Amino acid sequence: MKISQLPYRYNKRKHIIIISITTIVITILIYSQLFGVLYVPNTSIIDFKVLYSYQTFQTAIQSLTIEQAHAYQWIHVIDYLFMLLFYPLLVLLLSTVIKQQSKQSNILFIPLFGYIFDLIENICIDIHLYQYPELFQVVGHIAVIVTPLKFLMSLLAILIYMYKKVIEKK
């Protein structure tokens, strides 16, 4: 069985609802910083920004206190859970509007690329958080490149889903 056929094997509606609710809860936990239990200034959370420069990256990381860097690490643990749900959710949603065995089934790989870029971004940030306050310039530049790609792949998957659901169904 091809990997692109996997999303067609599940009860999509049930899985989409469960994964959507869980993803929303995790998103709330991340944005609320566990309802205030953790504190990292929003200006220092690079993951929330679509575009930023290396200077912004460097300033955000260097402005953290030790406690905030540790809090950011915990937020990233939750972010990894988010990634494990959000990107498969995008694949499931796309599989509801793309026929199995069609040439368009390669579109299901778009969220996979988003996941890979998000994972690389998180690893780059984590390297800096674990080596805090030391910074590795190359790793920071990689994060600057993959972050907009992460958002682009997610947006592209959502736009394709909406187009197929709304426009092509007419």
N, C-alpha and C. Protein backbone atom coordinates (compact mmCIF):
# COMPACT_ATOMS: atom_id res chain seq x y z
N MET A 1 0.85 -1.18 0.00
CA MET A 1 0.00 0.00 0.00
C MET A 1 0.89 1.24 0.00
N LYS A 2 0.53 2.18 -0.84
CA LYS A 2 1.27 3.44 -0.90
C LYS A 2 0.93 4.30 0.32
N ILE A 3 1.90 5.10 0.72
CA ILE A 3 1.69 5.98 1.87
C ILE A 3 0.55 6.98 1.61
N SER A 4 0.38 7.38 0.36
CA SER A 4 -0.68 8.34 0.04
C SER A 4 -2.07 7.73 0.16
N GLN A 5 -2.15 6.41 0.33
CA GLN A 5 -3.45 5.74 0.48
C GLN A 5 -3.87 5.61 1.94
N LEU A 6 -2.94 5.82 2.87
CA LEU A 6 -3.23 5.68 4.29
C LEU A 6 -4.42 6.50 4.78
N PRO A 7 -4.53 7.78 4.40
CA PRO A 7 -5.65 8.57 4.92
C PRO A 7 -7.02 8.06 4.48
N TYR A 8 -7.07 7.24 3.47
CA TYR A 8 -8.35 6.74 2.97
C TYR A 8 -8.83 5.52 3.74
N ARG A 9 -8.04 5.02 4.66
CA ARG A 9 -8.39 3.82 5.40
C ARG A 9 -9.15 4.11 6.70
N TYR A 10 -9.28 5.33 7.07
CA TYR A 10 -9.86 5.68 8.37
C TYR A 10 -11.27 6.22 8.23
N ASN A 11 -12.02 6.13 9.33
CA ASN A 11 -13.31 6.79 9.42
C ASN A 11 -12.99 8.28 9.57
N LYS A 12 -12.97 8.97 8.45
CA LYS A 12 -12.47 10.35 8.44
C LYS A 12 -13.25 11.28 9.34
N ARG A 13 -14.54 11.23 9.27
CA ARG A 13 -15.36 12.17 10.03
C ARG A 13 -15.06 12.09 11.53
N LYS A 14 -15.05 10.89 12.05
CA LYS A 14 -14.78 10.69 13.47
C LYS A 14 -13.37 11.17 13.82
N HIS A 15 -12.38 10.78 13.04
CA HIS A 15 -11.01 11.19 13.31
C HIS A 15 -10.81 12.69 13.16
N ILE A 16 -11.44 13.26 12.16
CA ILE A 16 -11.31 14.71 11.95
C ILE A 16 -11.87 15.47 13.15
N ILE A 17 -13.00 15.05 13.66
CA ILE A 17 -13.61 15.73 14.81
C ILE A 17 -12.72 15.59 16.04
N ILE A 18 -12.26 14.38 16.34
CA ILE A 18 -11.43 14.16 17.53
C ILE A 18 -10.11 14.92 17.42
N ILE A 19 -9.46 14.81 16.27
CA ILE A 19 -8.16 15.49 16.10
C ILE A 19 -8.35 17.01 16.11
N SER A 20 -9.44 17.51 15.52
CA SER A 20 -9.69 18.96 15.51
C SER A 20 -9.86 19.49 16.92
N ILE A 21 -10.66 18.82 17.72
CA ILE A 21 -10.89 19.27 19.10
C ILE A 21 -9.59 19.23 19.90
N THR A 22 -8.84 18.14 19.76
CA THR A 22 -7.58 18.02 20.48
C THR A 22 -6.59 19.09 20.04
N THR A 23 -6.54 19.35 18.74
CA THR A 23 -5.63 20.38 18.21
C THR A 23 -6.01 21.75 18.73
N ILE A 24 -7.29 22.05 18.81
CA ILE A 24 -7.75 23.33 19.35
C ILE A 24 -7.34 23.47 20.82
N VAL A 25 -7.53 22.41 21.60
CA VAL A 25 -7.15 22.44 23.02
C VAL A 25 -5.65 22.68 23.16
N ILE A 26 -4.85 21.97 22.37
CA ILE A 26 -3.39 22.14 22.44
C ILE A 26 -3.00 23.56 22.01
N THR A 27 -3.65 24.08 20.99
CA THR A 27 -3.38 25.45 20.54
C THR A 27 -3.67 26.45 21.67
N ILE A 28 -4.77 26.25 22.35
CA ILE A 28 -5.11 27.12 23.49
C ILE A 28 -4.05 27.01 24.58
N LEU A 29 -3.59 25.80 24.85
CA LEU A 29 -2.54 25.62 25.86
C LEU A 29 -1.26 26.34 25.47
N ILE A 30 -0.90 26.26 24.19
CA ILE A 30 0.33 26.93 23.73
C ILE A 30 0.19 28.44 23.82
N TYR A 31 -0.90 28.97 23.26
CA TYR A 31 -1.05 30.44 23.23
C TYR A 31 -1.28 31.03 24.62
N SER A 32 -1.89 30.25 25.51
CA SER A 32 -2.10 30.76 26.88
C SER A 32 -0.90 30.45 27.77
N GLN A 33 0.09 29.77 27.19
CA GLN A 33 1.28 29.34 27.94
C GLN A 33 0.86 28.56 29.18
N LEU A 34 0.07 27.52 28.90
CA LEU A 34 -0.52 26.65 29.93
C LEU A 34 -1.30 27.47 30.95
N PHE A 35 -2.12 28.37 30.44
CA PHE A 35 -2.96 29.24 31.26
C PHE A 35 -2.15 30.01 32.30
N GLY A 36 -1.00 30.48 31.86
CA GLY A 36 -0.17 31.32 32.71
C GLY A 36 0.82 30.59 33.59
N VAL A 37 0.82 29.27 33.55
CA VAL A 37 1.78 28.51 34.37
C VAL A 37 3.20 28.77 33.87
N LEU A 38 3.35 28.85 32.55
CA LEU A 38 4.65 29.17 31.94
C LEU A 38 4.60 30.61 31.46
N TYR A 39 5.75 31.26 31.44
CA TYR A 39 5.77 32.61 30.90
C TYR A 39 6.97 32.82 30.00
N VAL A 40 6.65 33.15 28.76
CA VAL A 40 7.65 33.58 27.79
C VAL A 40 7.03 34.79 27.09
N PRO A 41 7.74 35.92 27.03
CA PRO A 41 7.17 37.08 26.34
C PRO A 41 6.81 36.69 24.89
N ASN A 42 5.62 37.08 24.46
CA ASN A 42 5.17 36.74 23.10
C ASN A 42 6.16 37.21 22.03
N THR A 43 6.86 38.30 22.31
CA THR A 43 7.83 38.80 21.33
C THR A 43 9.02 37.85 21.19
N SER A 44 9.21 36.96 22.16
CA SER A 44 10.33 36.03 22.12
C SER A 44 9.94 34.67 21.54
N ILE A 45 8.66 34.44 21.36
CA ILE A 45 8.24 33.15 20.80
C ILE A 45 8.28 33.24 19.28
N ILE A 46 9.34 32.72 18.73
CA ILE A 46 9.61 32.80 17.30
C ILE A 46 8.56 32.02 16.49
N ASP A 47 8.07 30.93 17.05
CA ASP A 47 7.12 30.06 16.35
C ASP A 47 5.86 30.80 15.88
N PHE A 48 5.51 31.88 16.56
CA PHE A 48 4.29 32.62 16.23
C PHE A 48 4.48 33.57 15.05
N LYS A 49 5.71 33.84 14.68
CA LYS A 49 5.98 34.81 13.62
C LYS A 49 6.05 34.09 12.27
N VAL A 50 5.50 34.72 11.23
CA VAL A 50 5.54 34.15 9.88
C VAL A 50 6.89 34.45 9.24
N LEU A 51 7.31 35.68 9.35
CA LEU A 51 8.59 36.13 8.79
C LEU A 51 9.39 36.85 9.87
N TYR A 52 10.67 36.58 9.88
CA TYR A 52 11.55 37.32 10.78
C TYR A 52 12.97 37.21 10.27
N SER A 53 13.80 38.12 10.70
CA SER A 53 15.20 38.12 10.29
C SER A 53 16.04 37.36 11.33
N TYR A 54 17.28 37.10 10.97
CA TYR A 54 18.17 36.47 11.94
C TYR A 54 18.37 37.38 13.14
N GLN A 55 18.41 38.68 12.90
CA GLN A 55 18.56 39.64 14.00
C GLN A 55 17.39 39.53 14.97
N THR A 56 16.18 39.39 14.44
CA THR A 56 15.00 39.22 15.29
C THR A 56 15.10 37.92 16.07
N PHE A 57 15.52 36.86 15.40
CA PHE A 57 15.71 35.55 16.04
C PHE A 57 16.69 35.67 17.19
N GLN A 58 17.83 36.28 16.91
CA GLN A 58 18.89 36.44 17.89
C GLN A 58 18.41 37.27 19.09
N THR A 59 17.76 38.37 18.81
CA THR A 59 17.26 39.25 19.88
C THR A 59 16.22 38.53 20.73
N ALA A 60 15.32 37.78 20.08
CA ALA A 60 14.27 37.06 20.81
C ALA A 60 14.87 36.05 21.78
N ILE A 61 15.82 35.29 21.31
CA ILE A 61 16.44 34.26 22.17
C ILE A 61 17.27 34.91 23.27
N GLN A 62 18.06 35.93 22.92
CA GLN A 62 18.94 36.55 23.91
C GLN A 62 18.18 37.36 24.96
N SER A 63 16.94 37.75 24.65
CA SER A 63 16.17 38.53 25.62
C SER A 63 15.53 37.66 26.70
N LEU A 64 15.61 36.35 26.54
CA LEU A 64 15.01 35.44 27.51
C LEU A 64 15.86 35.33 28.77
N THR A 65 15.19 35.20 29.89
CA THR A 65 15.89 34.82 31.11
C THR A 65 16.04 33.30 31.09
N ILE A 66 16.81 32.76 32.01
CA ILE A 66 16.97 31.30 32.09
C ILE A 66 15.61 30.63 32.31
N GLU A 67 14.80 31.20 33.20
CA GLU A 67 13.48 30.64 33.50
C GLU A 67 12.58 30.67 32.26
N GLN A 68 12.65 31.76 31.51
CA GLN A 68 11.84 31.87 30.30
C GLN A 68 12.31 30.88 29.22
N ALA A 69 13.62 30.67 29.13
CA ALA A 69 14.15 29.69 28.17
C ALA A 69 13.65 28.29 28.54
N HIS A 70 13.61 27.96 29.81
CA HIS A 70 13.08 26.67 30.24
C HIS A 70 11.58 26.57 29.97
N ALA A 71 10.87 27.65 30.19
CA ALA A 71 9.43 27.67 29.90
C ALA A 71 9.19 27.46 28.40
N TYR A 72 10.00 28.09 27.58
CA TYR A 72 9.90 27.95 26.13
C TYR A 72 10.12 26.49 25.73
N GLN A 73 11.05 25.82 26.40
CA GLN A 73 11.28 24.40 26.12
C GLN A 73 10.03 23.58 26.40
N TRP A 74 9.34 23.89 27.49
CA TRP A 74 8.10 23.17 27.81
C TRP A 74 7.00 23.48 26.81
N ILE A 75 6.95 24.73 26.36
CA ILE A 75 5.98 25.09 25.33
C ILE A 75 6.26 24.30 24.06
N HIS A 76 7.53 24.09 23.77
CA HIS A 76 7.90 23.31 22.59
C HIS A 76 7.49 21.84 22.72
N VAL A 77 7.53 21.30 23.91
CA VAL A 77 7.06 19.92 24.11
C VAL A 77 5.60 19.84 23.67
N ILE A 78 4.81 20.81 24.09
CA ILE A 78 3.40 20.85 23.70
C ILE A 78 3.27 21.10 22.20
N ASP A 79 4.16 21.93 21.66
CA ASP A 79 4.15 22.22 20.22
C ASP A 79 4.42 20.96 19.40
N TYR A 80 5.28 20.08 19.89
CA TYR A 80 5.53 18.82 19.18
C TYR A 80 4.25 17.98 19.14
N LEU A 81 3.48 17.98 20.22
CA LEU A 81 2.19 17.29 20.22
C LEU A 81 1.24 17.92 19.19
N PHE A 82 1.25 19.26 19.15
CA PHE A 82 0.44 19.97 18.17
C PHE A 82 0.80 19.53 16.75
N MET A 83 2.08 19.47 16.47
CA MET A 83 2.54 19.09 15.13
C MET A 83 2.09 17.67 14.78
N LEU A 84 2.12 16.77 15.76
CA LEU A 84 1.72 15.39 15.51
C LEU A 84 0.22 15.24 15.25
N LEU A 85 -0.54 16.27 15.55
CA LEU A 85 -1.99 16.25 15.30
C LEU A 85 -2.38 17.14 14.13
N PHE A 86 -1.82 18.34 14.06
CA PHE A 86 -2.25 19.32 13.07
C PHE A 86 -1.98 18.87 11.64
N TYR A 87 -0.77 18.41 11.37
CA TYR A 87 -0.43 18.06 9.99
C TYR A 87 -1.17 16.80 9.51
N PRO A 88 -1.32 15.76 10.34
CA PRO A 88 -2.18 14.64 9.91
C PRO A 88 -3.64 15.08 9.72
N LEU A 89 -4.09 16.06 10.52
CA LEU A 89 -5.43 16.60 10.32
C LEU A 89 -5.56 17.22 8.93
N LEU A 90 -4.55 17.98 8.52
CA LEU A 90 -4.58 18.55 7.17
C LEU A 90 -4.62 17.46 6.10
N VAL A 91 -3.87 16.39 6.31
CA VAL A 91 -3.89 15.27 5.36
C VAL A 91 -5.28 14.65 5.31
N LEU A 92 -5.89 14.43 6.47
CA LEU A 92 -7.24 13.85 6.50
C LEU A 92 -8.25 14.76 5.80
N LEU A 93 -8.16 16.06 6.07
CA LEU A 93 -9.08 16.99 5.42
C LEU A 93 -8.90 16.96 3.90
N LEU A 94 -7.66 16.99 3.45
CA LEU A 94 -7.42 16.94 2.01
C LEU A 94 -7.91 15.63 1.40
N SER A 95 -7.79 14.55 2.15
CA SER A 95 -8.22 13.25 1.62
C SER A 95 -9.74 13.18 1.45
N THR A 96 -10.47 14.09 2.09
CA THR A 96 -11.93 14.11 1.91
C THR A 96 -12.33 14.76 0.59
N VAL A 97 -11.43 15.53 0.00
CA VAL A 97 -11.78 16.24 -1.24
C VAL A 97 -10.92 15.80 -2.43
N ILE A 98 -10.00 14.90 -2.20
CA ILE A 98 -9.16 14.40 -3.29
C ILE A 98 -9.42 12.91 -3.44
N LYS A 99 -9.73 12.51 -4.63
CA LYS A 99 -10.03 11.10 -4.88
C LYS A 99 -8.78 10.24 -4.71
N GLN A 100 -9.00 9.05 -4.17
CA GLN A 100 -7.90 8.10 -3.93
C GLN A 100 -7.30 7.71 -5.28
N GLN A 101 -6.43 7.29 -5.69
CA GLN A 101 -5.91 6.89 -7.00
C GLN A 101 -5.85 8.00 -8.04
N SER A 102 -6.09 9.23 -7.70
CA SER A 102 -6.00 10.30 -8.69
C SER A 102 -4.59 10.88 -8.68
N LYS A 103 -4.26 11.59 -9.76
CA LYS A 103 -2.95 12.23 -9.84
C LYS A 103 -2.81 13.29 -8.75
N GLN A 104 -3.92 13.81 -8.32
CA GLN A 104 -3.91 14.86 -7.29
C GLN A 104 -3.57 14.32 -5.91
N SER A 105 -3.52 13.00 -5.75
CA SER A 105 -3.23 12.45 -4.41
C SER A 105 -1.86 12.86 -3.89
N ASN A 106 -0.98 13.32 -4.77
CA ASN A 106 0.32 13.84 -4.32
C ASN A 106 0.17 15.11 -3.49
N ILE A 107 -0.98 15.76 -3.63
CA ILE A 107 -1.25 16.96 -2.83
C ILE A 107 -1.23 16.62 -1.34
N LEU A 108 -1.51 15.37 -1.01
CA LEU A 108 -1.52 14.95 0.39
C LEU A 108 -0.13 15.09 1.04
N PHE A 109 0.91 15.24 0.23
CA PHE A 109 2.26 15.39 0.78
C PHE A 109 2.56 16.83 1.20
N ILE A 110 1.73 17.78 0.81
CA ILE A 110 1.96 19.18 1.18
C ILE A 110 2.03 19.35 2.70
N PRO A 111 1.07 18.80 3.46
CA PRO A 111 1.19 18.92 4.92
C PRO A 111 2.44 18.22 5.48
N LEU A 112 2.89 17.17 4.81
CA LEU A 112 4.10 16.50 5.26
C LEU A 112 5.30 17.45 5.18
N PHE A 113 5.37 18.22 4.10
CA PHE A 113 6.44 19.20 3.99
C PHE A 113 6.29 20.27 5.07
N GLY A 114 5.06 20.69 5.35
CA GLY A 114 4.82 21.65 6.44
C GLY A 114 5.32 21.09 7.76
N TYR A 115 5.04 19.82 8.00
CA TYR A 115 5.50 19.16 9.23
C TYR A 115 7.02 19.16 9.30
N ILE A 116 7.66 18.79 8.20
CA ILE A 116 9.13 18.73 8.17
C ILE A 116 9.73 20.12 8.45
N PHE A 117 9.17 21.15 7.81
CA PHE A 117 9.69 22.51 8.05
C PHE A 117 9.45 22.94 9.48
N ASP A 118 8.29 22.61 10.05
CA ASP A 118 7.98 22.95 11.44
C ASP A 118 8.93 22.21 12.38
N LEU A 119 9.17 20.95 12.09
CA LEU A 119 10.08 20.16 12.91
C LEU A 119 11.49 20.75 12.88
N ILE A 120 11.97 21.11 11.70
CA ILE A 120 13.30 21.72 11.57
C ILE A 120 13.36 23.02 12.36
N GLU A 121 12.31 23.84 12.21
CA GLU A 121 12.25 25.11 12.95
C GLU A 121 12.34 24.86 14.45
N ASN A 122 11.54 23.92 14.95
CA ASN A 122 11.55 23.64 16.39
C ASN A 122 12.90 23.13 16.86
N ILE A 123 13.50 22.27 16.07
CA ILE A 123 14.82 21.75 16.44
C ILE A 123 15.84 22.88 16.49
N CYS A 124 15.79 23.77 15.53
CA CYS A 124 16.71 24.93 15.53
C CYS A 124 16.52 25.78 16.77
N ILE A 125 15.27 26.05 17.10
CA ILE A 125 15.00 26.85 18.30
C ILE A 125 15.43 26.09 19.56
N ASP A 126 15.14 24.79 19.59
CA ASP A 126 15.52 23.98 20.75
C ASP A 126 17.02 23.94 20.96
N ILE A 127 17.77 23.85 19.88
CA ILE A 127 19.24 23.88 20.00
C ILE A 127 19.67 25.14 20.73
N HIS A 128 19.06 26.26 20.36
CA HIS A 128 19.42 27.52 21.02
C HIS A 128 18.94 27.56 22.47
N LEU A 129 17.76 27.01 22.71
CA LEU A 129 17.24 27.02 24.08
C LEU A 129 18.07 26.11 24.99
N TYR A 130 18.51 24.98 24.48
CA TYR A 130 19.30 24.06 25.30
C TYR A 130 20.74 24.52 25.47
N GLN A 131 21.21 25.34 24.54
CA GLN A 131 22.58 25.86 24.64
C GLN A 131 22.59 27.30 25.16
N TYR A 132 21.42 27.77 25.61
CA TYR A 132 21.26 29.14 26.08
C TYR A 132 22.35 29.50 27.06
N PRO A 133 22.96 30.64 26.97
CA PRO A 133 22.72 31.78 26.08
C PRO A 133 23.55 31.75 24.79
N GLU A 134 24.27 30.65 24.55
CA GLU A 134 25.09 30.57 23.34
C GLU A 134 24.21 30.44 22.10
N LEU A 135 24.59 31.13 21.02
CA LEU A 135 23.83 31.07 19.77
C LEU A 135 24.70 30.50 18.65
N PHE A 136 24.05 29.73 17.78
CA PHE A 136 24.72 29.17 16.61
C PHE A 136 24.11 29.83 15.38
N GLN A 137 24.88 30.65 14.73
CA GLN A 137 24.38 31.47 13.64
C GLN A 137 23.76 30.65 12.51
N VAL A 138 24.40 29.57 12.10
CA VAL A 138 23.89 28.76 10.99
C VAL A 138 22.51 28.20 11.33
N VAL A 139 22.38 27.70 12.53
CA VAL A 139 21.10 27.11 12.96
C VAL A 139 20.01 28.18 12.99
N GLY A 140 20.34 29.37 13.44
CA GLY A 140 19.38 30.47 13.43
C GLY A 140 18.95 30.85 12.03
N HIS A 141 19.88 30.85 11.09
CA HIS A 141 19.54 31.17 9.70
C HIS A 141 18.65 30.09 9.08
N ILE A 142 18.87 28.85 9.46
CA ILE A 142 18.00 27.77 8.97
C ILE A 142 16.57 28.00 9.46
N ALA A 143 16.42 28.36 10.72
CA ALA A 143 15.09 28.64 11.28
C ALA A 143 14.40 29.77 10.52
N VAL A 144 15.16 30.80 10.19
CA VAL A 144 14.61 31.95 9.46
C VAL A 144 14.07 31.50 8.09
N ILE A 145 14.71 30.52 7.47
CA ILE A 145 14.28 30.03 6.15
C ILE A 145 13.07 29.10 6.24
N VAL A 146 13.09 28.17 7.20
CA VAL A 146 12.02 27.15 7.22
C VAL A 146 10.71 27.65 7.84
N THR A 147 10.77 28.66 8.68
CA THR A 147 9.53 29.15 9.32
C THR A 147 8.49 29.62 8.30
N PRO A 148 8.84 30.49 7.35
CA PRO A 148 7.81 30.89 6.38
C PRO A 148 7.36 29.71 5.50
N LEU A 149 8.24 28.77 5.26
CA LEU A 149 7.88 27.59 4.46
C LEU A 149 6.85 26.74 5.20
N LYS A 150 7.00 26.65 6.52
CA LYS A 150 6.03 25.93 7.35
C LYS A 150 4.64 26.56 7.19
N PHE A 151 4.59 27.86 7.33
CA PHE A 151 3.31 28.56 7.19
C PHE A 151 2.76 28.46 5.77
N LEU A 152 3.63 28.55 4.79
CA LEU A 152 3.22 28.47 3.39
C LEU A 152 2.59 27.11 3.08
N MET A 153 3.21 26.03 3.53
CA MET A 153 2.67 24.68 3.28
C MET A 153 1.32 24.50 3.97
N SER A 154 1.20 24.99 5.18
CA SER A 154 -0.07 24.88 5.91
C SER A 154 -1.16 25.68 5.21
N LEU A 155 -0.82 26.91 4.84
CA LEU A 155 -1.78 27.77 4.15
C LEU A 155 -2.19 27.16 2.81
N LEU A 156 -1.22 26.64 2.08
CA LEU A 156 -1.50 26.02 0.79
C LEU A 156 -2.44 24.83 0.96
N ALA A 157 -2.20 23.99 1.94
CA ALA A 157 -3.08 22.84 2.20
C ALA A 157 -4.50 23.30 2.53
N ILE A 158 -4.62 24.32 3.36
CA ILE A 158 -5.94 24.84 3.75
C ILE A 158 -6.64 25.46 2.55
N LEU A 159 -5.92 26.23 1.74
CA LEU A 159 -6.53 26.84 0.55
C LEU A 159 -6.97 25.81 -0.47
N ILE A 160 -6.18 24.77 -0.66
CA ILE A 160 -6.57 23.69 -1.59
C ILE A 160 -7.83 23.01 -1.07
N TYR A 161 -7.86 22.73 0.22
CA TYR A 161 -9.05 22.10 0.81
C TYR A 161 -10.28 22.98 0.60
N MET A 162 -10.15 24.27 0.92
CA MET A 162 -11.30 25.18 0.77
C MET A 162 -11.73 25.29 -0.69
N TYR A 163 -10.78 25.38 -1.60
CA TYR A 163 -11.09 25.48 -3.03
C TYR A 163 -11.85 24.23 -3.47
N LYS A 164 -11.34 23.06 -3.12
CA LYS A 164 -11.98 21.82 -3.54
C LYS A 164 -13.35 21.65 -2.87
N LYS A 165 -13.47 22.07 -1.64
CA LYS A 165 -14.71 21.91 -0.89
C LYS A 165 -15.79 22.88 -1.38
N VAL A 166 -15.40 24.10 -1.63
CA VAL A 166 -16.37 25.16 -1.96
C VAL A 166 -16.52 25.36 -3.47
N ILE A 167 -15.44 25.62 -4.16
CA ILE A 167 -15.50 25.99 -5.57
C ILE A 167 -15.78 24.79 -6.48
N GLU A 168 -15.03 23.71 -6.30
CA GLU A 168 -15.19 22.57 -7.20
C GLU A 168 -16.47 21.80 -6.95
N LYS A 169 -17.06 21.90 -5.79
CA LYS A 169 -18.30 21.17 -5.48
C LYS A 169 -19.52 21.78 -6.19
N LYS A 170 -19.37 22.99 -6.69
CA LYS A 170 -20.51 23.65 -7.34
C LYS A 170 -20.80 23.05 -8.68
